[in-house]
């Protein structure tokens, strides 16, 4: 059956001297693999619209799951473009495409995730707050997959977690105050009272003591209480102390309205976050992704090479 839809090009492989095999994340059909006959020719019915990260309108012959769809026509809606001084934005966009491929199944529609991805690509073009938008997309895709970390109750025993009254008794014995992730010192978060744009409304982020820490277990799937942290420590199991601000930001991602497509977020106050603060949040979401996939995506390695020193 011939179908028409919007799509983001997330992967492209040469099939012959003239043709391509594309992986597209579409709005109504989810992820599909399609053969673009003649897609490598300069003059074709695809109008040079098949570049990675492009948002396009496609016409294709939708076949059975185990057979490639046949792409018959495409028109460019928006090409992803960054300046030469925004390599981190480019690597972030490649990472977004990689996550769409890794976290989604063929023919599983998710219009909300399509809108989130399209919006994120627009924001990554703008050369600011790249780490923020990458971390937010990582949380969003876990949320859409139903595998987001637990943030309000202990992932082990189910008791409530109150990050306003943090008990340090079992935390400092596990890690130093300055967390070191992948060889990078993320240091103490110096937050102050920042306004974070949330669903169109500014939200005051609570001032916190940067040396407070909340136990977070990738194995358990979220925050854990002090009692469970002590049990894990006694059993030789690892967990990561995180700042209350990092937990606040994850809760912000969880509550944020991200369904409005192509809406440019107000990042006036996001850009005030210092590098160490964003590195803690980004490394946290990076490691959640890695734990769920059982591996570290190649494009995440490219992105981390551009982390600030």
C-alpha atoms as a PDB file:
ATOM      1  CA  UNK A   1       0.000   0.000   0.000  1.00  0.00           C
ATOM      2  CA  UNK A   2       1.316   3.456  -0.910  1.00  0.00           C
ATOM      3  CA  UNK A   3       1.643   5.752   2.115  1.00  0.00           C
ATOM      4  CA  UNK A   4       2.655   9.365   2.713  1.00  0.00           C
ATOM      5  CA  UNK A   5       4.198  10.650   5.922  1.00  0.00           C
ATOM      6  CA  UNK A   6       6.762  12.939   7.526  1.00  0.00           C
ATOM      7  CA  UNK A   7      10.075  11.392   8.522  1.00  0.00           C
ATOM      8  CA  UNK A   8      13.502  12.052  10.002  1.00  0.00           C
ATOM      9  CA  UNK A   9      16.415  10.327   8.270  1.00  0.00           C
ATOM     10  CA  UNK A  10      18.307   8.553  11.069  1.00  0.00           C
ATOM     11  CA  UNK A  11      20.535   6.173   9.062  1.00  0.00           C
ATOM     12  CA  UNK A  12      21.771   5.779   5.497  1.00  0.00           C
ATOM     13  CA  UNK A  13      23.742   2.934   3.926  1.00  0.00           C
ATOM     14  CA  UNK A  14      24.969   2.683   0.322  1.00  0.00           C
ATOM     15  CA  UNK A  15      23.232  -0.246  -1.385  1.00  0.00           C
ATOM     16  CA  UNK A  16      24.696   0.059  -4.871  1.00  0.00           C
ATOM     17  CA  UNK A  17      26.324   2.667  -7.061  1.00  0.00           C
ATOM     18  CA  UNK A  18      23.005   4.465  -7.349  1.00  0.00           C
ATOM     19  CA  UNK A  19      20.777   3.328  -4.455  1.00  0.00           C
ATOM     20  CA  UNK A  20      20.506   3.722  -0.681  1.00  0.00           C
ATOM     21  CA  UNK A  21      18.960   1.808   2.191  1.00  0.00           C
ATOM     22  CA  UNK A  22      17.498   4.316   4.649  1.00  0.00           C
ATOM     23  CA  UNK A  23      16.240   4.024   8.196  1.00  0.00           C
ATOM     24  CA  UNK A  24      13.489   6.590   8.702  1.00  0.00           C
ATOM     25  CA  UNK A  25      11.677   7.533  11.878  1.00  0.00           C
ATOM     26  CA  UNK A  26       8.229   8.512  10.656  1.00  0.00           C
ATOM     27  CA  UNK A  27       5.408  10.325  12.410  1.00  0.00           C
ATOM     28  CA  UNK A  28       2.622   7.784  11.760  1.00  0.00           C
ATOM     29  CA  UNK A  29       4.448   4.497  11.158  1.00  0.00           C
ATOM     30  CA  UNK A  30       7.419   4.675  13.517  1.00  0.00           C
ATOM     31  CA  UNK A  31      10.758   3.324  12.360  1.00  0.00           C
ATOM     32  CA  UNK A  32      10.942   1.849   8.853  1.00  0.00           C
ATOM     33  CA  UNK A  33      13.735   0.628   6.583  1.00  0.00           C
ATOM     34  CA  UNK A  34      13.289   1.637   2.960  1.00  0.00           C
ATOM     35  CA  UNK A  35      15.121   1.196  -0.322  1.00  0.00           C
ATOM     36  CA  UNK A  36      15.647   4.411  -2.286  1.00  0.00           C
ATOM     37  CA  UNK A  37      16.415   3.308  -5.845  1.00  0.00           C
ATOM     38  CA  UNK A  38      18.512   5.975  -7.529  1.00  0.00           C
ATOM     39  CA  UNK A  39      18.863   7.834  -4.226  1.00  0.00           C
ATOM     40  CA  UNK A  40      22.578   8.481  -4.804  1.00  0.00           C
ATOM     41  CA  UNK A  41      22.010  10.164  -8.162  1.00  0.00           C
ATOM     42  CA  UNK A  42      22.176  13.939  -8.265  1.00  0.00           C
ATOM     43  CA  UNK A  43      18.992  14.072 -10.313  1.00  0.00           C
ATOM     44  CA  UNK A  44      16.253  11.847  -8.943  1.00  0.00           C
ATOM     45  CA  UNK A  45      12.717  11.986  -7.565  1.00  0.00           C
ATOM     46  CA  UNK A  46      14.168  12.417  -4.073  1.00  0.00           C
ATOM     47  CA  UNK A  47      15.343  16.013  -4.684  1.00  0.00           C
ATOM     48  CA  UNK A  48      18.556  15.611  -2.625  1.00  0.00           C
ATOM     49  CA  UNK A  49      16.408  15.268   0.506  1.00  0.00           C
ATOM     50  CA  UNK A  50      17.920  12.075   1.918  1.00  0.00           C
ATOM     51  CA  UNK A  51      20.748  13.478   4.036  1.00  0.00           C
ATOM     52  CA  UNK A  52      21.109  12.203   7.595  1.00  0.00           C
ATOM     53  CA  UNK A  53      19.059  14.258  10.104  1.00  0.00           C
ATOM     54  CA  UNK A  54      16.881  15.845   7.416  1.00  0.00           C
ATOM     55  CA  UNK A  55      13.164  16.151   8.106  1.00  0.00           C
ATOM     56  CA  UNK A  56      11.343  15.136   4.941  1.00  0.00           C
ATOM     57  CA  UNK A  57       7.977  14.328   3.415  1.00  0.00           C
ATOM     58  CA  UNK A  58       8.028  10.812   1.929  1.00  0.00           C
ATOM     59  CA  UNK A  59       5.920   8.628  -0.295  1.00  0.00           C
ATOM     60  CA  UNK A  60       6.653   4.907   0.045  1.00  0.00           C
ATOM     61  CA  UNK A  61       5.291   1.463  -0.668  1.00  0.00           C
ATOM     62  CA  UNK A  62       4.726  -0.068   2.763  1.00  0.00           C
ATOM     63  CA  UNK A  63       5.417  -3.809   2.729  1.00  0.00           C
ATOM     64  CA  UNK A  64       5.608  -6.637   5.247  1.00  0.00           C
ATOM     65  CA  UNK A  65       7.889  -6.241   8.257  1.00  0.00           C
ATOM     66  CA  UNK A  66      10.622  -8.572   6.937  1.00  0.00           C
ATOM     67  CA  UNK A  67      10.788  -6.806   3.541  1.00  0.00           C
ATOM     68  CA  UNK A  68      12.248  -3.382   2.816  1.00  0.00           C
ATOM     69  CA  UNK A  69       9.732  -0.671   2.049  1.00  0.00           C
ATOM     70  CA  UNK A  70      10.202   1.047  -1.308  1.00  0.00           C
ATOM     71  CA  UNK A  71      10.708   4.808  -1.209  1.00  0.00           C
ATOM     72  CA  UNK A  72       9.259   6.427  -4.315  1.00  0.00           C
ATOM     73  CA  UNK A  73       9.425  10.167  -3.588  1.00  0.00           C
ATOM     74  CA  UNK A  74      10.713  12.603  -0.998  1.00  0.00           C
ATOM     75  CA  UNK A  75      10.616  16.348  -0.468  1.00  0.00           C
ATOM     76  CA  UNK A  76      12.740  18.305   1.946  1.00  0.00           C
ATOM     77  CA  UNK A  77      10.952  19.968   4.874  1.00  0.00           C
ATOM     78  CA  UNK A  78      14.017  21.000   6.865  1.00  0.00           C
ATOM     79  CA  UNK A  79      17.692  20.188   6.501  1.00  0.00           C
ATOM     80  CA  UNK A  80      19.785  19.992   9.676  1.00  0.00           C
ATOM     81  CA  UNK A  81      22.480  22.643   9.497  1.00  0.00           C
ATOM     82  CA  UNK A  82      25.107  23.756  11.998  1.00  0.00           C
ATOM     83  CA  UNK A  83      27.986  26.196  11.728  1.00  0.00           C
ATOM     84  CA  UNK A  84      31.605  25.084  11.912  1.00  0.00           C
ATOM     85  CA  UNK A  85      31.864  26.258  15.521  1.00  0.00           C
ATOM     86  CA  UNK A  86      28.990  24.016  16.677  1.00  0.00           C
ATOM     87  CA  UNK A  87      30.475  20.543  16.358  1.00  0.00           C
ATOM     88  CA  UNK A  88      28.970  19.558  19.697  1.00  0.00           C
ATOM     89  CA  UNK A  89      25.515  20.333  18.264  1.00  0.00           C
ATOM     90  CA  UNK A  90      26.250  18.117  15.254  1.00  0.00           C
ATOM     91  CA  UNK A  91      27.476  15.247  17.430  1.00  0.00           C
ATOM     92  CA  UNK A  92      24.450  15.710  19.687  1.00  0.00           C
ATOM     93  CA  UNK A  93      22.142  15.407  16.670  1.00  0.00           C
ATOM     94  CA  UNK A  94      23.906  12.221  15.495  1.00  0.00           C
ATOM     95  CA  UNK A  95      23.430  10.856  19.008  1.00  0.00           C
ATOM     96  CA  UNK A  96      19.705  11.665  18.891  1.00  0.00           C
ATOM     97  CA  UNK A  97      19.412   9.744  15.612  1.00  0.00           C
ATOM     98  CA  UNK A  98      21.370   6.836  17.105  1.00  0.00           C
ATOM     99  CA  UNK A  99      19.074   6.663  20.130  1.00  0.00           C
ATOM    100  CA  UNK A 100      15.987   6.696  17.899  1.00  0.00           C
ATOM    101  CA  UNK A 101      17.399   3.690  16.071  1.00  0.00           C
ATOM    102  CA  UNK A 102      18.476   1.824  19.223  1.00  0.00           C
ATOM    103  CA  UNK A 103      15.398   2.432  21.391  1.00  0.00           C
ATOM    104  CA  UNK A 104      12.586   1.921  18.885  1.00  0.00           C
ATOM    105  CA  UNK A 105      11.176  -1.160  17.177  1.00  0.00           C
ATOM    106  CA  UNK A 106      10.100  -1.281  13.501  1.00  0.00           C
ATOM    107  CA  UNK A 107       6.512  -0.296  12.766  1.00  0.00           C
ATOM    108  CA  UNK A 108       5.850   0.988  16.287  1.00  0.00           C
ATOM    109  CA  UNK A 109       4.278   4.460  15.833  1.00  0.00           C
ATOM    110  CA  UNK A 110       5.079   7.163  18.380  1.00  0.00           C
ATOM    111  CA  UNK A 111       4.061  10.599  17.162  1.00  0.00           C
ATOM    112  CA  UNK A 112       4.988  12.213  20.480  1.00  0.00           C
ATOM    113  CA  UNK A 113       8.571  10.926  20.236  1.00  0.00           C
ATOM    114  CA  UNK A 114       8.753  12.111  16.618  1.00  0.00           C
ATOM    115  CA  UNK A 115       7.741  15.618  17.718  1.00  0.00           C
ATOM    116  CA  UNK A 116      10.242  15.583  20.587  1.00  0.00           C
ATOM    117  CA  UNK A 117      13.056  14.481  18.248  1.00  0.00           C
ATOM    118  CA  UNK A 118      12.192  17.110  15.621  1.00  0.00           C
ATOM    119  CA  UNK A 119      12.102  19.820  18.297  1.00  0.00           C
ATOM    120  CA  UNK A 120      15.426  18.668  19.774  1.00  0.00           C
ATOM    121  CA  UNK A 121      17.162  18.804  16.383  1.00  0.00           C
ATOM    122  CA  UNK A 122      15.992  22.399  15.941  1.00  0.00           C
ATOM    123  CA  UNK A 123      17.403  23.295  19.361  1.00  0.00           C
ATOM    124  CA  UNK A 124      20.731  21.557  18.731  1.00  0.00           C
ATOM    125  CA  UNK A 125      21.262  23.735  15.650  1.00  0.00           C
ATOM    126  CA  UNK A 126      21.343  26.839  17.803  1.00  0.00           C
ATOM    127  CA  UNK A 127      24.813  26.245  19.306  1.00  0.00           C
ATOM    128  CA  UNK A 128      23.857  26.743  22.932  1.00  0.00           C
ATOM    129  CA  UNK A 129      22.899  24.460  25.827  1.00  0.00           C
ATOM    130  CA  UNK A 130      23.725  21.343  23.781  1.00  0.00           C
ATOM    131  CA  UNK A 131      24.349  19.249  26.899  1.00  0.00           C
ATOM    132  CA  UNK A 132      20.989  20.288  28.370  1.00  0.00           C
ATOM    133  CA  UNK A 133      18.996  19.314  25.270  1.00  0.00           C
ATOM    134  CA  UNK A 134      20.867  16.019  24.839  1.00  0.00           C
ATOM    135  CA  UNK A 135      20.260  15.074  28.488  1.00  0.00           C
ATOM    136  CA  UNK A 136      16.599  16.045  28.169  1.00  0.00           C
ATOM    137  CA  UNK A 137      16.179  13.922  25.037  1.00  0.00           C
ATOM    138  CA  UNK A 138      17.830  10.954  26.747  1.00  0.00           C
ATOM    139  CA  UNK A 139      15.299  11.204  29.565  1.00  0.00           C
ATOM    140  CA  UNK A 140      12.413  11.715  27.108  1.00  0.00           C
ATOM    141  CA  UNK A 141      13.242   8.606  25.085  1.00  0.00           C
ATOM    142  CA  UNK A 142      13.546   6.507  28.250  1.00  0.00           C
ATOM    143  CA  UNK A 143      10.202   7.920  29.382  1.00  0.00           C
ATOM    144  CA  UNK A 144       8.539   7.036  26.062  1.00  0.00           C
ATOM    145  CA  UNK A 145      10.077   3.556  26.325  1.00  0.00           C
ATOM    146  CA  UNK A 146       8.765   3.148  29.878  1.00  0.00           C
ATOM    147  CA  UNK A 147      12.268   2.685  31.295  1.00  0.00           C
ATOM    148  CA  UNK A 148      12.858   6.099  32.899  1.00  0.00           C
ATOM    149  CA  UNK A 149      14.513   6.065  36.340  1.00  0.00           C
ATOM    150  CA  UNK A 150      12.420   6.237  39.507  1.00  0.00           C
ATOM    151  CA  UNK A 151      12.725   9.747  40.967  1.00  0.00           C
ATOM    152  CA  UNK A 152      10.238  10.125  43.840  1.00  0.00           C
ATOM    153  CA  UNK A 153      10.347   6.799  45.672  1.00  0.00           C
ATOM    154  CA  UNK A 154      13.125   4.365  46.517  1.00  0.00           C
ATOM    155  CA  UNK A 155      13.644   2.011  43.583  1.00  0.00           C
ATOM    156  CA  UNK A 156      14.350  -0.816  46.071  1.00  0.00           C
ATOM    157  CA  UNK A 157      11.785  -0.547  48.889  1.00  0.00           C
ATOM    158  CA  UNK A 158       9.293   2.030  47.608  1.00  0.00           C
ATOM    159  CA  UNK A 159       9.695   4.516  50.447  1.00  0.00           C
ATOM    160  CA  UNK A 160       9.317   8.213  49.650  1.00  0.00           C
ATOM    161  CA  UNK A 161      12.428  10.187  48.758  1.00  0.00           C
ATOM    162  CA  UNK A 162      12.515  13.755  50.010  1.00  0.00           C
ATOM    163  CA  UNK A 163      15.440  15.563  48.400  1.00  0.00           C
ATOM    164  CA  UNK A 164      14.798  18.602  50.589  1.00  0.00           C
ATOM    165  CA  UNK A 165      16.002  16.776  53.680  1.00  0.00           C
ATOM    166  CA  UNK A 166      19.026  14.779  52.634  1.00  0.00           C
ATOM    167  CA  UNK A 167      20.803  12.530  55.108  1.00  0.00           C
ATOM    168  CA  UNK A 168      24.486  12.160  54.289  1.00  0.00           C
ATOM    169  CA  UNK A 169      25.224   9.321  56.694  1.00  0.00           C
ATOM    170  CA  UNK A 170      25.799   6.599  54.084  1.00  0.00           C
ATOM    171  CA  UNK A 171      26.874   8.680  51.121  1.00  0.00           C
ATOM    172  CA  UNK A 172      30.283  10.190  51.695  1.00  0.00           C
ATOM    173  CA  UNK A 173      31.687   6.743  52.507  1.00  0.00           C
ATOM    174  CA  UNK A 174      30.927   5.557  48.966  1.00  0.00           C
ATOM    175  CA  UNK A 175      32.362   8.359  46.856  1.00  0.00           C
ATOM    176  CA  UNK A 176      34.265  11.591  47.305  1.00  0.00           C
ATOM    177  CA  UNK A 177      32.339  14.866  47.200  1.00  0.00           C
ATOM    178  CA  UNK A 178      33.555  15.394  43.637  1.00  0.00           C
ATOM    179  CA  UNK A 179      32.143  12.611  41.460  1.00  0.00           C
ATOM    180  CA  UNK A 180      34.451  11.342  38.724  1.00  0.00           C
ATOM    181  CA  UNK A 181      32.682   9.890  35.693  1.00  0.00           C
ATOM    182  CA  UNK A 182      34.555   8.550  32.658  1.00  0.00           C
ATOM    183  CA  UNK A 183      37.683  10.321  33.823  1.00  0.00           C
ATOM    184  CA  UNK A 184      35.978  13.719  34.133  1.00  0.00           C
ATOM    185  CA  UNK A 185      35.582  15.527  37.435  1.00  0.00           C
ATOM    186  CA  UNK A 186      32.074  16.927  37.578  1.00  0.00           C
ATOM    187  CA  UNK A 187      32.719  18.744  40.841  1.00  0.00           C
ATOM    188  CA  UNK A 188      30.232  20.461  43.121  1.00  0.00           C
ATOM    189  CA  UNK A 189      27.097  21.997  41.586  1.00  0.00           C
ATOM    190  CA  UNK A 190      26.862  25.728  42.287  1.00  0.00           C
ATOM    191  CA  UNK A 191      23.252  26.431  41.502  1.00  0.00           C
ATOM    192  CA  UNK A 192      21.812  29.498  43.172  1.00  0.00           C
ATOM    193  CA  UNK A 193      18.164  30.220  42.387  1.00  0.00           C
ATOM    194  CA  UNK A 194      17.711  29.571  38.666  1.00  0.00           C
ATOM    195  CA  UNK A 195      14.484  29.910  36.733  1.00  0.00           C
ATOM    196  CA  UNK A 196      14.040  26.962  34.371  1.00  0.00           C
ATOM    197  CA  UNK A 197      11.476  27.257  31.575  1.00  0.00           C
ATOM    198  CA  UNK A 198       8.905  24.535  32.206  1.00  0.00           C
ATOM    199  CA  UNK A 199       5.833  24.063  30.050  1.00  0.00           C
ATOM    200  CA  UNK A 200       5.906  27.766  29.214  1.00  0.00           C
ATOM    201  CA  UNK A 201       6.158  28.824  32.872  1.00  0.00           C
ATOM    202  CA  UNK A 202       9.334  29.742  34.806  1.00  0.00           C
ATOM    203  CA  UNK A 203       9.972  27.421  37.726  1.00  0.00           C
ATOM    204  CA  UNK A 204      12.170  28.360  40.662  1.00  0.00           C
ATOM    205  CA  UNK A 205      14.718  25.647  41.368  1.00  0.00           C
ATOM    206  CA  UNK A 206      15.334  25.206  45.071  1.00  0.00           C
ATOM    207  CA  UNK A 207      18.677  26.360  46.476  1.00  0.00           C
ATOM    208  CA  UNK A 208      20.654  23.395  47.753  1.00  0.00           C
ATOM    209  CA  UNK A 209      23.863  22.632  49.531  1.00  0.00           C
ATOM    210  CA  UNK A 210      26.182  21.328  46.811  1.00  0.00           C
ATOM    211  CA  UNK A 211      27.691  18.777  49.192  1.00  0.00           C
ATOM    212  CA  UNK A 212      24.381  17.031  49.850  1.00  0.00           C
ATOM    213  CA  UNK A 213      24.062  13.771  47.962  1.00  0.00           C
ATOM    214  CA  UNK A 214      21.223  11.364  47.164  1.00  0.00           C
ATOM    215  CA  UNK A 215      22.050   7.709  46.363  1.00  0.00           C
ATOM    216  CA  UNK A 216      21.197   6.703  42.796  1.00  0.00           C
ATOM    217  CA  UNK A 217      21.440   3.086  41.606  1.00  0.00           C
ATOM    218  CA  UNK A 218      21.580   2.253  37.900  1.00  0.00           C
ATOM    219  CA  UNK A 219      21.048  -1.414  38.762  1.00  0.00           C
ATOM    220  CA  UNK A 220      17.909  -0.677  40.795  1.00  0.00           C
ATOM    221  CA  UNK A 221      16.661   1.878  38.282  1.00  0.00           C
ATOM    222  CA  UNK A 222      16.574   5.159  40.186  1.00  0.00           C
ATOM    223  CA  UNK A 223      17.049   6.888  43.514  1.00  0.00           C
ATOM    224  CA  UNK A 224      17.291   4.775  46.650  1.00  0.00           C
ATOM    225  CA  UNK A 225      16.821   5.570  50.335  1.00  0.00           C
ATOM    226  CA  UNK A 226      19.673   5.673  52.841  1.00  0.00           C
ATOM    227  CA  UNK A 227      18.710   2.329  54.380  1.00  0.00           C
ATOM    228  CA  UNK A 228      18.792   0.543  51.012  1.00  0.00           C
ATOM    229  CA  UNK A 229      22.016   2.370  50.124  1.00  0.00           C
ATOM    230  CA  UNK A 230      23.615   1.018  53.314  1.00  0.00           C
ATOM    231  CA  UNK A 231      22.463  -2.516  52.476  1.00  0.00           C
ATOM    232  CA  UNK A 232      23.874  -2.210  48.953  1.00  0.00           C
ATOM    233  CA  UNK A 233      27.171  -0.905  50.288  1.00  0.00           C
ATOM    234  CA  UNK A 234      27.411  -3.777  52.786  1.00  0.00           C
ATOM    235  CA  UNK A 235      26.769  -6.234  49.933  1.00  0.00           C
ATOM    236  CA  UNK A 236      29.510  -4.651  47.837  1.00  0.00           C
ATOM    237  CA  UNK A 237      27.065  -3.161  45.320  1.00  0.00           C
ATOM    238  CA  UNK A 238      27.759   0.202  43.729  1.00  0.00           C
ATOM    239  CA  UNK A 239      25.597   3.288  43.576  1.00  0.00           C
ATOM    240  CA  UNK A 240      26.229   6.904  42.598  1.00  0.00           C
ATOM    241  CA  UNK A 241      25.660   9.877  44.901  1.00  0.00           C
ATOM    242  CA  UNK A 242      23.942  12.718  43.016  1.00  0.00           C
ATOM    243  CA  UNK A 243      23.167  16.299  44.050  1.00  0.00           C
ATOM    244  CA  UNK A 244      19.585  17.329  44.839  1.00  0.00           C
ATOM    245  CA  UNK A 245      19.850  19.745  41.905  1.00  0.00           C
ATOM    246  CA  UNK A 246      20.500  16.865  39.493  1.00  0.00           C
ATOM    247  CA  UNK A 247      17.402  15.136  40.864  1.00  0.00           C
ATOM    248  CA  UNK A 248      15.427  18.379  40.494  1.00  0.00           C
ATOM    249  CA  UNK A 249      16.466  18.579  36.838  1.00  0.00           C
ATOM    250  CA  UNK A 250      15.435  14.983  36.128  1.00  0.00           C
ATOM    251  CA  UNK A 251      12.068  15.701  37.729  1.00  0.00           C
ATOM    252  CA  UNK A 252      11.856  18.822  35.560  1.00  0.00           C
ATOM    253  CA  UNK A 253      12.435  16.669  32.450  1.00  0.00           C
ATOM    254  CA  UNK A 254       9.749  14.251  33.644  1.00  0.00           C
ATOM    255  CA  UNK A 255       7.139  16.957  34.194  1.00  0.00           C
ATOM    256  CA  UNK A 256       7.960  19.119  31.212  1.00  0.00           C
ATOM    257  CA  UNK A 257       5.435  19.431  28.406  1.00  0.00           C
ATOM    258  CA  UNK A 258       7.413  18.286  25.364  1.00  0.00           C
ATOM    259  CA  UNK A 259       4.527  17.527  23.033  1.00  0.00           C
ATOM    260  CA  UNK A 260       4.493  20.875  21.228  1.00  0.00           C
ATOM    261  CA  UNK A 261       6.333  20.310  17.983  1.00  0.00           C
ATOM    262  CA  UNK A 262       8.892  22.840  16.764  1.00  0.00           C
ATOM    263  CA  UNK A 263       8.312  25.128  19.737  1.00  0.00           C
ATOM    264  CA  UNK A 264      11.573  26.879  20.569  1.00  0.00           C
ATOM    265  CA  UNK A 265      12.198  26.655  24.292  1.00  0.00           C
ATOM    266  CA  UNK A 266      13.211  29.720  26.245  1.00  0.00           C
ATOM    267  CA  UNK A 267      16.817  28.904  27.165  1.00  0.00           C
ATOM    268  CA  UNK A 268      17.668  32.268  28.661  1.00  0.00           C
ATOM    269  CA  UNK A 269      18.208  30.806  32.115  1.00  0.00           C
ATOM    270  CA  UNK A 270      19.340  27.349  31.033  1.00  0.00           C
ATOM    271  CA  UNK A 271      22.502  28.905  29.624  1.00  0.00           C
ATOM    272  CA  UNK A 272      23.323  30.118  33.133  1.00  0.00           C
ATOM    273  CA  UNK A 273      24.010  26.544  34.240  1.00  0.00           C
ATOM    274  CA  UNK A 274      27.747  26.062  34.636  1.00  0.00           C
ATOM    275  CA  UNK A 275      29.606  23.286  32.835  1.00  0.00           C
ATOM    276  CA  UNK A 276      30.119  21.153  35.938  1.00  0.00           C
ATOM    277  CA  UNK A 277      26.420  21.289  36.772  1.00  0.00           C
ATOM    278  CA  UNK A 278      25.370  20.171  33.294  1.00  0.00           C
ATOM    279  CA  UNK A 279      28.106  17.516  33.175  1.00  0.00           C
ATOM    280  CA  UNK A 280      26.698  15.862  36.282  1.00  0.00           C
ATOM    281  CA  UNK A 281      23.213  15.735  34.736  1.00  0.00           C
ATOM    282  CA  UNK A 282      24.472  14.625  31.317  1.00  0.00           C
ATOM    283  CA  UNK A 283      26.709  11.899  32.740  1.00  0.00           C
ATOM    284  CA  UNK A 284      23.777  10.665  34.812  1.00  0.00           C
ATOM    285  CA  UNK A 285      21.473  10.340  31.788  1.00  0.00           C
ATOM    286  CA  UNK A 286      24.347   8.947  29.670  1.00  0.00           C
ATOM    287  CA  UNK A 287      24.918   6.170  32.183  1.00  0.00           C
ATOM    288  CA  UNK A 288      21.190   5.403  32.452  1.00  0.00           C
ATOM    289  CA  UNK A 289      21.144   4.934  28.675  1.00  0.00           C
ATOM    290  CA  UNK A 290      24.281   2.777  28.721  1.00  0.00           C
ATOM    291  CA  UNK A 291      22.943   0.553  31.493  1.00  0.00           C
ATOM    292  CA  UNK A 292      19.678  -0.046  29.640  1.00  0.00           C
ATOM    293  CA  UNK A 293      21.366  -0.775  26.318  1.00  0.00           C
ATOM    294  CA  UNK A 294      24.148  -2.848  27.868  1.00  0.00           C
ATOM    295  CA  UNK A 295      26.658  -0.889  25.811  1.00  0.00           C
ATOM    296  CA  UNK A 296      27.859   2.626  25.157  1.00  0.00           C
ATOM    297  CA  UNK A 297      26.618   4.033  21.830  1.00  0.00           C
ATOM    298  CA  UNK A 298      29.420   5.030  19.489  1.00  0.00           C
ATOM    299  CA  UNK A 299      27.936   8.465  18.932  1.00  0.00           C
ATOM    300  CA  UNK A 300      27.911   9.101  22.683  1.00  0.00           C
ATOM    301  CA  UNK A 301      31.695   8.713  22.615  1.00  0.00           C
ATOM    302  CA  UNK A 302      31.920  11.397  19.900  1.00  0.00           C
ATOM    303  CA  UNK A 303      29.768  13.708  21.992  1.00  0.00           C
ATOM    304  CA  UNK A 304      31.842  13.186  25.142  1.00  0.00           C
ATOM    305  CA  UNK A 305      35.022  14.156  23.314  1.00  0.00           C
ATOM    306  CA  UNK A 306      33.500  17.645  23.086  1.00  0.00           C
ATOM    307  CA  UNK A 307      32.619  17.956  26.767  1.00  0.00           C
ATOM    308  CA  UNK A 308      34.217  21.046  28.306  1.00  0.00           C
ATOM    309  CA  UNK A 309      37.414  20.396  30.233  1.00  0.00           C
END
